[in-house]
């Protein structure tokens, strides 16, 4: 309620106060003259709300998205109009596909200039309309508290996702008297009790059940509850693409990732299952081998589909039992179900144990061309890092080694984009160190992937952060080269990279840096990086012959009948 004591504030001050009320303590940006009033308001609260200045809006947006993943609260990013917004759009797309709460604020042209193609003007409702959960423009500073409250509710409710708010620069400078809104409260949707009993009945009628975990918004409590449920029922649990931290990979029920580079034995097991319990996973293209493991729209397997967004249920697959529920609420309800008897669980005990054994066997690296065996290096990193370490990566074939040989120890130990975007790993590692400076953060990046946001090393050094970046340098865009060799063997074009000296580049930023060309030299180099006390980079020189843990250039050309 507004009274005589309500202060007169600029729109920028009202906005920053609204963010503080919502608990925001960190925001990411690349500054722009279009939101100078916000920067001034942030200056006034600089000891309470940290502003992280980045080198490019894509990097700033990725940091905000990663912050949203880590905290479960919207990551906040400020960018300017036009070029700034288009650069940041990659992070909005990632937040959308990854179900991550995020709010992107865009400085906009003044209200009296709109519709005239003013300098850097863009219609953001059209630009982001199909990408974000809600896109709006705040034209009246008196409505800032209302719209910020709504933005937080939308970003965190149902299936979490991004919100985009445009801020006309003159609106931010206008002085108004307006009351603040309180912090948002999101009510989780609980699963129907009758549906939970039906779910249990379906499970007990199955011979070869399989659980697939996915989606965003999970908490430690939800992850641990799913672990208790899986143990009580003796169920095999697979992670959807790049959701490997939803269940501790050391859990006896964990059987691997259903994603790109999927273990063929796991793919076969999904196809042969007679029941799929999908909790949070949309069962998209990457987790179903291009929609082939489950038939569209009616899978051969009995499908029990749990998702927080009712519009997602039935969107692609018709479920035998659809359940609309917040994922952690479902997990707690599942953990509370009456456990089956030994005899009932024994029906699929061998099925679960065999799936687990398939996963464990795949953790052993095979020989690899060249002096560096990436599988052995990932396994070493996995062995020496503490359980709470956070590992990030972007996109590219190098990630197949990380996904296969890294064992994630629980929720929020993995920062990876399900959208498959390059350039994500380093900004995500920076966000991890800002949020939890006490936890190690290691980023794996391909040479092409690193070059897309490698300039954010400057951000890491500016804020005295110490992530470790492992650059897998094979001199090419590896995933595209793999597809090129599959479909046009021998016709290499447009995929080769002439790279800079990564060690010298990192040292120019002030980072510790080394190059490793033999597997046996990595352990000592990694330890030196861990002890460096600042951001560090290790360049791995990897033979381009190795396209993935299971594919080589020579093998693909041989399949094509080439000498």
Protein backbone atom coordinates (compact mmCIF):
# COMPACT_ATOMS: atom_id res chain seq x y z
CA UNK A 1 0.00 0.00 0.00
CA UNK A 2 1.31 3.43 -0.96
CA UNK A 3 1.22 6.23 1.62
CA UNK A 4 2.84 9.59 2.22
CA UNK A 5 6.04 7.84 3.31
CA UNK A 6 6.46 6.05 -0.02
CA UNK A 7 9.61 7.52 -1.57
CA UNK A 8 9.86 9.06 -5.01
CA UNK A 9 12.13 6.85 -7.12
CA UNK A 10 13.24 6.52 -10.71
CA UNK A 11 11.96 3.56 -12.67
CA UNK A 12 15.46 2.11 -12.45
CA UNK A 13 15.39 2.31 -8.65
CA UNK A 14 11.93 0.75 -8.47
CA UNK A 15 13.16 -2.10 -10.67
CA UNK A 16 16.29 -2.76 -8.61
CA UNK A 17 14.32 -2.60 -5.36
CA UNK A 18 11.85 -5.11 -6.83
CA UNK A 19 14.73 -7.48 -7.67
CA UNK A 20 16.09 -7.22 -4.15
CA UNK A 21 12.66 -8.02 -2.71
CA UNK A 22 12.67 -11.18 -4.85
CA UNK A 23 15.98 -12.19 -3.30
CA UNK A 24 18.26 -11.39 -6.23
CA UNK A 25 21.87 -11.01 -5.12
CA UNK A 26 23.64 -11.40 -8.50
CA UNK A 27 22.97 -10.02 -11.97
CA UNK A 28 24.94 -10.37 -15.20
CA UNK A 29 25.26 -7.73 -17.90
CA UNK A 30 27.03 -6.10 -20.76
CA UNK A 31 26.36 -2.39 -20.12
CA UNK A 32 24.38 -0.22 -22.52
CA UNK A 33 23.27 3.40 -22.53
CA UNK A 34 19.68 2.21 -22.84
CA UNK A 35 19.57 1.19 -19.17
CA UNK A 36 21.88 3.71 -17.50
CA UNK A 37 19.21 4.42 -14.88
CA UNK A 38 19.33 0.76 -13.84
CA UNK A 39 23.13 0.82 -13.65
CA UNK A 40 22.89 3.89 -11.42
CA UNK A 41 20.37 2.15 -9.16
CA UNK A 42 22.59 -0.92 -9.01
CA UNK A 43 25.50 1.30 -8.00
CA UNK A 44 23.49 2.42 -4.99
CA UNK A 45 23.08 -1.19 -3.77
CA UNK A 46 26.40 -2.57 -5.01
CA UNK A 47 27.19 -4.13 -1.64
CA UNK A 48 23.93 -6.11 -1.63
CA UNK A 49 23.46 -6.97 -5.30
CA UNK A 50 26.57 -7.97 -7.22
CA UNK A 51 26.74 -6.89 -10.86
CA UNK A 52 28.94 -9.14 -13.01
CA UNK A 53 30.14 -7.34 -16.13
CA UNK A 54 30.79 -9.71 -19.03
CA UNK A 55 32.51 -9.42 -22.41
CA UNK A 56 29.65 -10.42 -24.71
CA UNK A 57 25.92 -10.72 -24.22
CA UNK A 58 25.89 -14.40 -25.17
CA UNK A 59 28.32 -15.11 -22.33
CA UNK A 60 26.32 -12.93 -19.91
CA UNK A 61 23.13 -14.74 -20.84
CA UNK A 62 24.73 -18.18 -20.42
CA UNK A 63 25.97 -17.15 -16.97
CA UNK A 64 22.46 -16.07 -15.97
CA UNK A 65 21.01 -19.32 -17.32
CA UNK A 66 23.57 -21.39 -15.44
CA UNK A 67 22.86 -19.38 -12.28
CA UNK A 68 19.19 -20.26 -12.70
CA UNK A 69 20.07 -23.95 -12.99
CA UNK A 70 22.19 -23.82 -9.84
CA UNK A 71 19.79 -21.87 -7.65
CA UNK A 72 16.34 -22.78 -8.93
CA UNK A 73 15.61 -19.03 -9.01
CA UNK A 74 15.61 -16.86 -12.15
CA UNK A 75 19.05 -15.90 -13.37
CA UNK A 76 19.07 -12.16 -14.12
CA UNK A 77 20.68 -10.61 -17.20
CA UNK A 78 20.68 -7.03 -18.49
CA UNK A 79 21.56 -6.20 -22.09
CA UNK A 80 20.99 -3.34 -24.43
CA UNK A 81 18.62 -3.28 -27.39
CA UNK A 82 19.29 -4.50 -30.92
CA UNK A 83 22.73 -6.16 -31.08
CA UNK A 84 22.78 -6.82 -27.34
CA UNK A 85 19.41 -8.53 -27.39
CA UNK A 86 20.19 -10.63 -30.45
CA UNK A 87 23.46 -11.78 -28.88
CA UNK A 88 21.63 -12.73 -25.67
CA UNK A 89 18.88 -14.59 -27.50
CA UNK A 90 21.04 -17.75 -27.58
CA UNK A 91 20.73 -17.95 -23.79
CA UNK A 92 16.97 -17.43 -23.91
CA UNK A 93 16.69 -20.34 -26.33
CA UNK A 94 18.86 -22.44 -24.01
CA UNK A 95 16.75 -21.54 -20.97
CA UNK A 96 13.63 -22.47 -22.91
CA UNK A 97 14.83 -25.89 -24.03
CA UNK A 98 16.52 -26.57 -20.68
CA UNK A 99 13.51 -25.49 -18.58
CA UNK A 100 15.61 -22.97 -16.65
CA UNK A 101 14.14 -19.94 -14.85
CA UNK A 102 15.70 -16.78 -16.25
CA UNK A 103 14.73 -13.13 -16.78
CA UNK A 104 16.35 -11.12 -19.56
CA UNK A 105 15.96 -7.35 -19.24
CA UNK A 106 16.53 -5.40 -22.45
CA UNK A 107 17.08 -1.67 -22.58
CA UNK A 108 14.70 -0.30 -25.21
CA UNK A 109 14.45 2.90 -27.21
CA UNK A 110 12.51 5.79 -25.66
CA UNK A 111 8.74 5.55 -25.86
CA UNK A 112 8.38 8.57 -28.16
CA UNK A 113 10.75 6.96 -30.69
CA UNK A 114 9.05 3.57 -30.98
CA UNK A 115 7.74 2.38 -34.31
CA UNK A 116 10.10 4.64 -36.27
CA UNK A 117 12.95 2.14 -36.63
CA UNK A 118 14.91 4.17 -34.12
CA UNK A 119 18.55 3.37 -33.47
CA UNK A 120 18.86 -0.37 -32.67
CA UNK A 121 15.09 -0.68 -32.24
CA UNK A 122 13.64 -4.20 -32.29
CA UNK A 123 10.12 -5.43 -31.62
CA UNK A 124 10.97 -7.85 -28.84
CA UNK A 125 7.51 -9.37 -28.55
CA UNK A 126 7.95 -10.69 -32.10
CA UNK A 127 11.62 -11.56 -31.67
CA UNK A 128 11.18 -13.62 -28.50
CA UNK A 129 7.49 -14.48 -28.71
CA UNK A 130 7.99 -18.16 -29.56
CA UNK A 131 11.11 -18.55 -27.44
CA UNK A 132 10.18 -17.26 -23.98
CA UNK A 133 7.33 -18.07 -21.61
CA UNK A 134 6.35 -14.40 -21.45
CA UNK A 135 7.56 -11.32 -23.33
CA UNK A 136 6.42 -7.84 -22.39
CA UNK A 137 7.45 -4.21 -22.30
CA UNK A 138 7.08 -2.02 -19.21
CA UNK A 139 5.78 1.31 -20.48
CA UNK A 140 4.70 2.74 -17.11
CA UNK A 141 7.17 2.75 -14.21
CA UNK A 142 4.24 2.46 -11.80
CA UNK A 143 3.67 -1.07 -13.09
CA UNK A 144 7.23 -2.26 -12.45
CA UNK A 145 6.46 -3.99 -9.11
CA UNK A 146 3.47 -5.77 -10.64
CA UNK A 147 5.33 -6.94 -13.72
CA UNK A 148 8.47 -8.02 -11.88
CA UNK A 149 6.31 -10.08 -9.54
CA UNK A 150 4.59 -11.67 -12.52
CA UNK A 151 7.91 -12.33 -14.25
CA UNK A 152 9.21 -14.33 -11.28
CA UNK A 153 5.98 -16.29 -10.98
CA UNK A 154 5.97 -17.14 -14.69
CA UNK A 155 9.67 -18.08 -14.79
CA UNK A 156 9.33 -20.53 -11.88
CA UNK A 157 5.80 -21.91 -12.25
CA UNK A 158 4.96 -25.15 -14.05
CA UNK A 159 7.73 -25.90 -16.49
CA UNK A 160 10.37 -23.29 -15.58
CA UNK A 161 11.64 -21.08 -18.36
CA UNK A 162 12.75 -17.63 -19.54
CA UNK A 163 10.92 -14.30 -19.39
CA UNK A 164 11.92 -11.26 -21.45
CA UNK A 165 11.08 -7.71 -20.34
CA UNK A 166 11.88 -4.65 -22.47
CA UNK A 167 12.63 -1.41 -20.60
CA UNK A 168 12.26 1.89 -22.52
CA UNK A 169 15.13 4.11 -21.43
CA UNK A 170 12.95 7.15 -20.68
CA UNK A 171 10.63 5.00 -18.54
CA UNK A 172 13.59 3.98 -16.41
CA UNK A 173 14.57 7.62 -15.82
CA UNK A 174 11.04 8.77 -14.95
CA UNK A 175 10.40 9.51 -11.27
CA UNK A 176 7.32 8.00 -9.66
CA UNK A 177 5.78 7.19 -6.30
CA UNK A 178 4.71 3.55 -6.20
CA UNK A 179 4.42 0.82 -3.56
CA UNK A 180 6.52 -2.31 -3.78
CA UNK A 181 5.14 -5.82 -4.25
CA UNK A 182 6.12 -8.65 -1.93
CA UNK A 183 8.24 -11.68 -2.88
CA UNK A 184 6.60 -14.21 -5.15
CA UNK A 185 5.38 -17.55 -3.84
CA UNK A 186 5.09 -20.44 -6.27
CA UNK A 187 2.72 -23.23 -5.26
CA UNK A 188 3.89 -26.67 -6.44
CA UNK A 189 1.27 -28.92 -8.02
CA UNK A 190 1.04 -32.13 -6.00
CA UNK A 191 0.30 -35.44 -7.74
CA UNK A 192 -3.16 -36.91 -7.36
CA UNK A 193 -3.26 -39.64 -4.71
CA UNK A 194 -5.35 -41.94 -6.89
CA UNK A 195 -2.88 -41.47 -9.76
CA UNK A 196 0.00 -42.49 -7.49
CA UNK A 197 -1.79 -45.70 -6.54
CA UNK A 198 -2.46 -46.39 -10.22
CA UNK A 199 1.21 -45.77 -10.98
CA UNK A 200 2.20 -48.37 -8.41
CA UNK A 201 -0.24 -50.88 -9.91
CA UNK A 202 1.23 -50.30 -13.37
CA UNK A 203 4.74 -50.89 -12.03
CA UNK A 204 3.79 -54.12 -10.32
CA UNK A 205 2.25 -55.39 -13.56
CA UNK A 206 5.48 -54.74 -15.51
CA UNK A 207 8.22 -57.21 -16.39
CA UNK A 208 10.82 -54.79 -17.77
CA UNK A 209 10.21 -51.29 -16.32
CA UNK A 210 12.54 -48.34 -16.88
CA UNK A 211 12.55 -44.84 -15.34
CA UNK A 212 13.76 -41.81 -17.30
CA UNK A 213 14.54 -38.63 -15.35
CA UNK A 214 14.68 -35.21 -16.96
CA UNK A 215 13.40 -31.66 -16.88
CA UNK A 216 14.31 -28.63 -14.78
CA UNK A 217 13.47 -27.35 -11.32
CA UNK A 218 14.78 -30.35 -9.36
CA UNK A 219 16.02 -29.91 -5.79
CA UNK A 220 18.35 -31.97 -3.61
CA UNK A 221 15.31 -33.25 -1.72
CA UNK A 222 13.60 -34.32 -4.94
CA UNK A 223 16.70 -36.06 -6.28
CA UNK A 224 17.24 -37.93 -3.02
CA UNK A 225 13.57 -38.93 -2.91
CA UNK A 226 13.84 -40.41 -6.41
CA UNK A 227 16.86 -42.35 -5.21
CA UNK A 228 14.86 -43.80 -2.33
CA UNK A 229 11.96 -44.66 -4.65
CA UNK A 230 14.26 -46.37 -7.16
CA UNK A 231 15.98 -48.36 -4.41
CA UNK A 232 12.71 -49.43 -2.77
CA UNK A 233 11.27 -50.66 -6.06
CA UNK A 234 14.56 -51.91 -7.52
CA UNK A 235 14.01 -49.92 -10.73
CA UNK A 236 16.61 -49.07 -13.39
CA UNK A 237 16.90 -45.30 -13.84
CA UNK A 238 18.27 -43.58 -16.94
CA UNK A 239 18.92 -39.87 -17.25
CA UNK A 240 17.59 -37.93 -20.20
CA UNK A 241 20.11 -36.06 -22.37
CA UNK A 242 22.44 -34.00 -20.16
CA UNK A 243 20.39 -34.60 -17.01
CA UNK A 244 22.94 -37.01 -15.55
CA UNK A 245 23.10 -35.29 -12.17
CA UNK A 246 19.45 -35.92 -11.31
CA UNK A 247 20.45 -39.17 -9.62
CA UNK A 248 23.84 -39.93 -8.11
CA UNK A 249 25.53 -42.06 -10.77
CA UNK A 250 26.95 -44.28 -8.02
CA UNK A 251 23.40 -45.35 -7.10
CA UNK A 252 22.78 -49.04 -7.81
CA UNK A 253 19.74 -48.11 -9.93
CA UNK A 254 21.51 -45.67 -12.26
CA UNK A 255 21.98 -47.18 -15.73
CA UNK A 256 23.27 -44.33 -17.91
CA UNK A 257 22.27 -41.43 -20.09
CA UNK A 258 19.64 -41.62 -22.81
CA UNK A 259 21.11 -39.02 -25.14
CA UNK A 260 23.56 -38.40 -27.95
CA UNK A 261 26.17 -41.14 -28.03
CA UNK A 262 23.87 -43.39 -26.01
CA UNK A 263 25.17 -46.81 -25.06
CA UNK A 264 23.63 -49.12 -27.69
CA UNK A 265 22.74 -51.55 -24.91
CA UNK A 266 20.72 -48.86 -23.13
CA UNK A 267 18.97 -47.92 -26.38
CA UNK A 268 18.04 -51.56 -26.88
CA UNK A 269 16.80 -51.75 -23.30
CA UNK A 270 14.54 -48.71 -23.75
CA UNK A 271 13.10 -50.26 -26.90
CA UNK A 272 12.50 -53.60 -25.15
CA UNK A 273 11.03 -52.15 -21.94
CA UNK A 274 7.36 -52.88 -21.36
CA UNK A 275 6.90 -49.79 -19.17
CA UNK A 276 8.53 -46.35 -19.24
CA UNK A 277 8.09 -44.01 -16.29
CA UNK A 278 9.19 -40.62 -17.54
CA UNK A 279 9.57 -38.09 -14.72
CA UNK A 280 10.15 -34.58 -16.05
CA UNK A 281 11.65 -35.73 -19.35
CA UNK A 282 9.85 -34.59 -22.48
CA UNK A 283 11.24 -37.64 -24.30
CA UNK A 284 12.56 -35.44 -27.07
CA UNK A 285 14.63 -36.24 -30.14
CA UNK A 286 17.98 -36.76 -28.39
CA UNK A 287 16.63 -39.08 -25.69
CA UNK A 288 14.70 -41.30 -28.08
CA UNK A 289 17.20 -41.66 -30.96
CA UNK A 290 15.14 -39.39 -33.18
CA UNK A 291 11.74 -40.57 -31.85
CA UNK A 292 12.52 -44.17 -32.82
CA UNK A 293 12.77 -45.84 -29.40
CA UNK A 294 9.20 -44.87 -28.55
CA UNK A 295 6.62 -44.84 -31.34
CA UNK A 296 4.66 -41.62 -31.93
CA UNK A 297 1.99 -41.00 -30.79
CA UNK A 298 1.29 -44.28 -28.97
CA UNK A 299 4.42 -46.06 -27.71
CA UNK A 300 4.50 -49.82 -27.65
CA UNK A 301 5.71 -49.53 -24.07
CA UNK A 302 3.19 -48.56 -21.42
CA UNK A 303 3.97 -44.91 -20.76
CA UNK A 304 3.56 -43.22 -17.39
CA UNK A 305 4.40 -39.57 -17.99
CA UNK A 306 4.94 -37.06 -15.17
CA UNK A 307 5.44 -33.40 -16.07
CA UNK A 308 4.73 -30.04 -14.40
CA UNK A 309 3.21 -28.59 -17.59
CA UNK A 310 -0.14 -30.15 -18.54
CA UNK A 311 0.32 -28.92 -22.11
CA UNK A 312 3.42 -31.10 -22.43
CA UNK A 313 1.46 -34.23 -21.61
CA UNK A 314 0.07 -35.60 -24.87
CA UNK A 315 2.03 -33.10 -26.95
CA UNK A 316 4.03 -35.86 -28.68
CA UNK A 317 3.20 -39.07 -26.88
CA UNK A 318 -0.12 -40.34 -25.61
CA UNK A 319 0.48 -41.54 -22.04
CA UNK A 320 -1.32 -44.45 -20.44
CA UNK A 321 -1.10 -42.48 -17.20
CA UNK A 322 -0.42 -38.73 -17.46
CA UNK A 323 0.34 -36.97 -14.16
CA UNK A 324 0.62 -33.21 -13.85
CA UNK A 325 2.86 -32.49 -10.88
CA UNK A 326 5.82 -30.47 -9.75
CA UNK A 327 8.71 -32.89 -10.02
CA UNK A 328 9.97 -32.72 -6.46
CA UNK A 329 6.46 -33.10 -5.11
CA UNK A 330 6.06 -36.20 -7.29
CA UNK A 331 9.39 -37.60 -6.12
CA UNK A 332 8.41 -37.24 -2.47
CA UNK A 333 5.05 -38.90 -3.18
CA UNK A 334 6.77 -41.74 -5.05
CA UNK A 335 9.21 -42.29 -2.19
CA UNK A 336 6.24 -42.60 0.17
CA UNK A 337 4.56 -45.37 -1.86
CA UNK A 338 4.31 -48.79 -0.31
CA UNK A 339 7.33 -50.72 -1.49
CA UNK A 340 6.78 -53.99 -3.36
CA UNK A 341 7.55 -57.31 -1.76
CA UNK A 342 10.79 -59.12 -2.54
CA UNK A 343 8.86 -61.46 -4.80
CA UNK A 344 7.21 -58.60 -6.69
CA UNK A 345 10.49 -56.72 -7.12
CA UNK A 346 12.27 -59.94 -8.06
CA UNK A 347 10.36 -60.06 -11.36
CA UNK A 348 12.64 -57.35 -12.77
CA UNK A 349 15.66 -57.66 -10.47
CA UNK A 350 17.86 -59.33 -13.08
CA UNK A 351 16.75 -56.72 -15.64
CA UNK A 352 17.90 -53.88 -13.37
CA UNK A 353 21.17 -55.56 -12.44
CA UNK A 354 22.05 -56.23 -16.08
CA UNK A 355 21.33 -52.62 -17.02
CA UNK A 356 23.54 -51.40 -14.20
CA UNK A 357 26.33 -53.74 -15.28
CA UNK A 358 26.10 -52.44 -18.86
CA UNK A 359 26.62 -48.92 -17.51
CA UNK A 360 29.58 -49.88 -15.32
CA UNK A 361 31.33 -51.74 -18.14
CA UNK A 362 31.02 -48.69 -20.40
CA UNK A 363 33.07 -46.63 -17.89
CA UNK A 364 36.26 -48.38 -19.01
CA UNK A 365 37.96 -46.30 -21.75
CA UNK A 366 38.97 -47.99 -25.00
CA UNK A 367 42.24 -47.26 -26.84
CA UNK A 368 42.21 -43.99 -28.76
CA UNK A 369 44.25 -42.71 -31.68
CA UNK A 370 47.04 -40.30 -30.87
CA UNK A 371 48.95 -39.50 -27.72
CA UNK A 372 45.99 -38.29 -25.69
CA UNK A 373 43.26 -40.69 -24.57
CA UNK A 374 40.36 -38.42 -23.68
CA UNK A 375 38.45 -41.20 -21.95
CA UNK A 376 41.33 -41.85 -19.56
CA UNK A 377 41.65 -38.13 -18.88
CA UNK A 378 37.95 -37.74 -18.04
CA UNK A 379 38.18 -40.76 -15.75
CA UNK A 380 41.20 -39.21 -14.00
CA UNK A 381 39.35 -35.92 -13.50
CA UNK A 382 36.39 -37.89 -12.19
CA UNK A 383 38.62 -39.73 -9.70
CA UNK A 384 40.49 -36.77 -8.23
CA UNK A 385 37.70 -34.19 -8.03
CA UNK A 386 35.68 -33.99 -4.79
CA UNK A 387 32.06 -35.12 -4.89
CA UNK A 388 30.70 -31.56 -4.93
CA UNK A 389 32.70 -30.46 -8.00
CA UNK A 390 30.73 -28.87 -10.83
CA UNK A 391 31.56 -29.94 -14.38
CA UNK A 392 30.33 -27.94 -17.37
CA UNK A 393 30.58 -28.22 -21.13
CA UNK A 394 29.08 -26.81 -24.28
CA UNK A 395 28.45 -28.79 -27.45
CA UNK A 396 30.54 -30.88 -29.81
CA UNK A 397 31.73 -34.45 -30.12
CA UNK A 398 34.24 -33.98 -27.29
CA UNK A 399 31.24 -33.96 -24.93
CA UNK A 400 30.55 -37.62 -25.73
CA UNK A 401 33.64 -38.57 -23.72
CA UNK A 402 32.54 -36.37 -20.80
CA UNK A 403 28.99 -37.74 -20.84
CA UNK A 404 30.21 -41.33 -20.93
CA UNK A 405 33.14 -41.30 -18.50
CA UNK A 406 32.16 -38.67 -15.91
CA UNK A 407 30.14 -39.95 -12.94
CA UNK A 408 28.00 -37.14 -11.57
CA UNK A 409 27.51 -37.38 -7.84
CA UNK A 410 24.17 -35.65 -7.46
CA UNK A 411 22.05 -32.65 -8.24
CA UNK A 412 23.79 -29.47 -9.44
CA UNK A 413 27.11 -31.08 -10.26
CA UNK A 414 26.48 -30.85 -14.03
CA UNK A 415 26.03 -27.66 -16.06
CA UNK A 416 25.35 -28.54 -19.68
CA UNK A 417 22.88 -27.26 -22.29
CA UNK A 418 20.27 -29.73 -23.51
CA UNK A 419 19.77 -27.28 -26.37
CA UNK A 420 23.16 -28.38 -27.71
CA UNK A 421 24.59 -24.89 -27.91
CA UNK A 422 28.30 -24.20 -28.26
CA UNK A 423 30.16 -21.72 -26.10
CA UNK A 424 28.24 -22.56 -22.92
CA UNK A 425 30.85 -24.31 -20.78
CA UNK A 426 33.13 -21.44 -19.72
CA UNK A 427 30.33 -18.96 -18.84
CA UNK A 428 28.62 -21.74 -16.87
CA UNK A 429 31.81 -22.50 -14.95
CA UNK A 430 32.16 -18.81 -14.12
CA UNK A 431 28.58 -18.72 -12.85
CA UNK A 432 29.32 -21.79 -10.74
CA UNK A 433 32.36 -20.17 -9.11
CA UNK A 434 30.43 -16.96 -8.44
CA UNK A 435 27.62 -18.90 -6.78
CA UNK A 436 29.75 -21.44 -4.92
CA UNK A 437 33.39 -20.29 -4.82
CA UNK A 438 34.15 -23.16 -2.41
CA UNK A 439 33.35 -25.82 -5.02
CA UNK A 440 35.73 -26.75 -7.87
CA UNK A 441 34.44 -25.90 -11.34
CA UNK A 442 35.88 -27.64 -14.39
CA UNK A 443 34.85 -26.81 -17.93
CA UNK A 444 35.45 -29.10 -20.90
CA UNK A 445 35.38 -27.24 -24.23
CA UNK A 446 36.22 -28.16 -27.78
CA UNK A 447 38.48 -25.83 -29.71
CA UNK A 448 35.55 -24.47 -31.71
CA UNK A 449 33.34 -24.37 -28.63
CA UNK A 450 35.89 -22.48 -26.55
CA UNK A 451 36.44 -19.84 -29.22
CA UNK A 452 32.77 -18.85 -29.11
CA UNK A 453 33.03 -17.44 -25.58
CA UNK A 454 36.69 -17.77 -24.67
CA UNK A 455 36.84 -14.03 -24.06
CA UNK A 456 34.97 -14.61 -20.81
CA UNK A 457 38.30 -15.75 -19.35
CA UNK A 458 38.74 -12.00 -18.82
CA UNK A 459 35.58 -12.02 -16.69
CA UNK A 460 36.91 -14.90 -14.59
CA UNK A 461 40.17 -13.05 -13.96
CA UNK A 462 38.41 -9.74 -13.25
CA UNK A 463 36.41 -11.35 -10.43
CA UNK A 464 39.31 -13.46 -9.10
CA UNK A 465 37.65 -16.75 -10.00
CA UNK A 466 39.52 -20.00 -10.55
CA UNK A 467 37.66 -22.30 -12.94
CA UNK A 468 39.72 -24.84 -14.86
CA UNK A 469 39.13 -25.02 -18.61
CA UNK A 470 40.19 -28.14 -20.51
CA UNK A 471 40.29 -27.32 -24.22
CA UNK A 472 40.04 -30.39 -26.44
CA UNK A 473 41.85 -29.24 -29.57
CA UNK A 474 41.46 -31.47 -32.62
CA UNK A 475 41.60 -28.65 -35.17
CA UNK A 476 38.06 -29.03 -36.43
CA UNK A 477 34.35 -28.80 -35.73
CA UNK A 478 34.26 -32.44 -34.69
CA UNK A 479 30.54 -33.23 -34.60
CA UNK A 480 29.96 -31.70 -38.04
CA UNK A 481 33.01 -33.53 -39.37
CA UNK A 482 31.54 -36.79 -38.04
CA UNK A 483 28.27 -36.23 -39.88
CA UNK A 484 30.24 -35.16 -42.95
CA UNK A 485 32.20 -38.42 -42.90
CA UNK A 486 28.99 -40.41 -42.41
CA UNK A 487 27.09 -38.86 -45.29
CA UNK A 488 29.84 -37.52 -47.59
CA UNK A 489 32.94 -39.60 -46.70
CA UNK A 490 36.22 -38.02 -47.65
CA UNK A 491 34.67 -34.73 -48.77
CA UNK A 492 36.06 -32.60 -45.95
CA UNK A 493 34.98 -29.01 -46.42
CA UNK A 494 34.04 -26.20 -44.07
CA UNK A 495 34.94 -28.03 -40.86
CA UNK A 496 38.71 -27.47 -40.45
CA UNK A 497 39.93 -24.92 -37.89
CA UNK A 498 43.20 -23.00 -37.75
CA UNK A 499 43.43 -22.21 -34.07
CA UNK A 500 45.41 -19.68 -32.04
CA UNK A 501 48.00 -20.73 -29.48
CA UNK A 502 45.54 -21.45 -26.66
CA UNK A 503 48.24 -21.44 -23.99
CA UNK A 504 49.55 -18.03 -25.04
CA UNK A 505 46.01 -16.71 -25.36
CA UNK A 506 45.07 -17.80 -21.84
CA UNK A 507 48.32 -16.41 -20.44
CA UNK A 508 47.57 -13.07 -22.10
CA UNK A 509 44.38 -12.92 -20.02
CA UNK A 510 46.42 -13.67 -16.91
CA UNK A 511 45.42 -17.32 -16.52
CA UNK A 512 47.65 -20.25 -15.72
CA UNK A 513 48.01 -22.34 -18.90
CA UNK A 514 49.69 -25.52 -20.12
CA UNK A 515 49.60 -27.81 -23.13
CA UNK A 516 49.33 -31.60 -22.83
CA UNK A 517 50.13 -33.92 -25.73
CA UNK A 518 50.43 -37.23 -23.84
CA UNK A 519 47.93 -38.86 -21.51
CA UNK A 520 50.58 -39.60 -18.89
CA UNK A 521 51.40 -35.87 -18.58
CA UNK A 522 47.86 -34.82 -17.75
CA UNK A 523 47.61 -35.74 -14.07
CA UNK A 524 50.50 -33.47 -13.04
CA UNK A 525 49.27 -30.64 -15.27
CA UNK A 526 45.76 -30.90 -13.82
CA UNK A 527 47.13 -30.78 -10.27
CA UNK A 528 49.15 -27.67 -11.12
CA UNK A 529 46.00 -26.08 -12.51
CA UNK A 530 44.11 -26.92 -9.32
CA UNK A 531 46.84 -25.31 -7.23
CA UNK A 532 47.28 -22.24 -9.44
CA UNK A 533 44.97 -20.04 -7.37
CA UNK A 534 43.52 -18.41 -10.49
CA UNK A 535 41.73 -19.35 -13.67
CA UNK A 536 43.58 -22.07 -15.52
CA UNK A 537 43.53 -23.59 -19.00
CA UNK A 538 44.88 -26.94 -20.17
CA UNK A 539 45.03 -27.50 -23.92
CA UNK A 540 44.78 -31.15 -24.98
CA UNK A 541 46.14 -31.94 -28.42
CA UNK A 542 43.78 -34.67 -29.62
CA UNK A 543 44.10 -36.71 -32.82
CA UNK A 544 41.30 -35.76 -35.29
CA UNK A 545 41.07 -39.43 -36.26
CA UNK A 546 38.97 -40.01 -33.12
CA UNK A 547 35.49 -38.67 -33.82
CA UNK A 548 33.80 -40.16 -30.73
CA UNK A 549 34.45 -42.91 -28.17
CA UNK A 550 33.03 -45.40 -30.67
CA UNK A 551 33.84 -43.88 -34.09
CA UNK A 552 36.95 -43.01 -36.08
CA UNK A 553 37.42 -41.36 -39.45
CA UNK A 554 39.05 -44.52 -40.81
CA UNK A 555 36.19 -46.75 -39.66
CA UNK A 556 33.57 -44.55 -41.27
CA UNK A 557 35.48 -44.41 -44.55
CA UNK A 558 35.94 -48.16 -44.47
CA UNK A 559 32.18 -48.59 -44.03
CA UNK A 560 31.74 -46.40 -47.09
CA UNK A 561 34.05 -48.65 -49.10
CA UNK A 562 36.92 -46.17 -49.23
CA UNK A 563 40.50 -47.41 -49.03
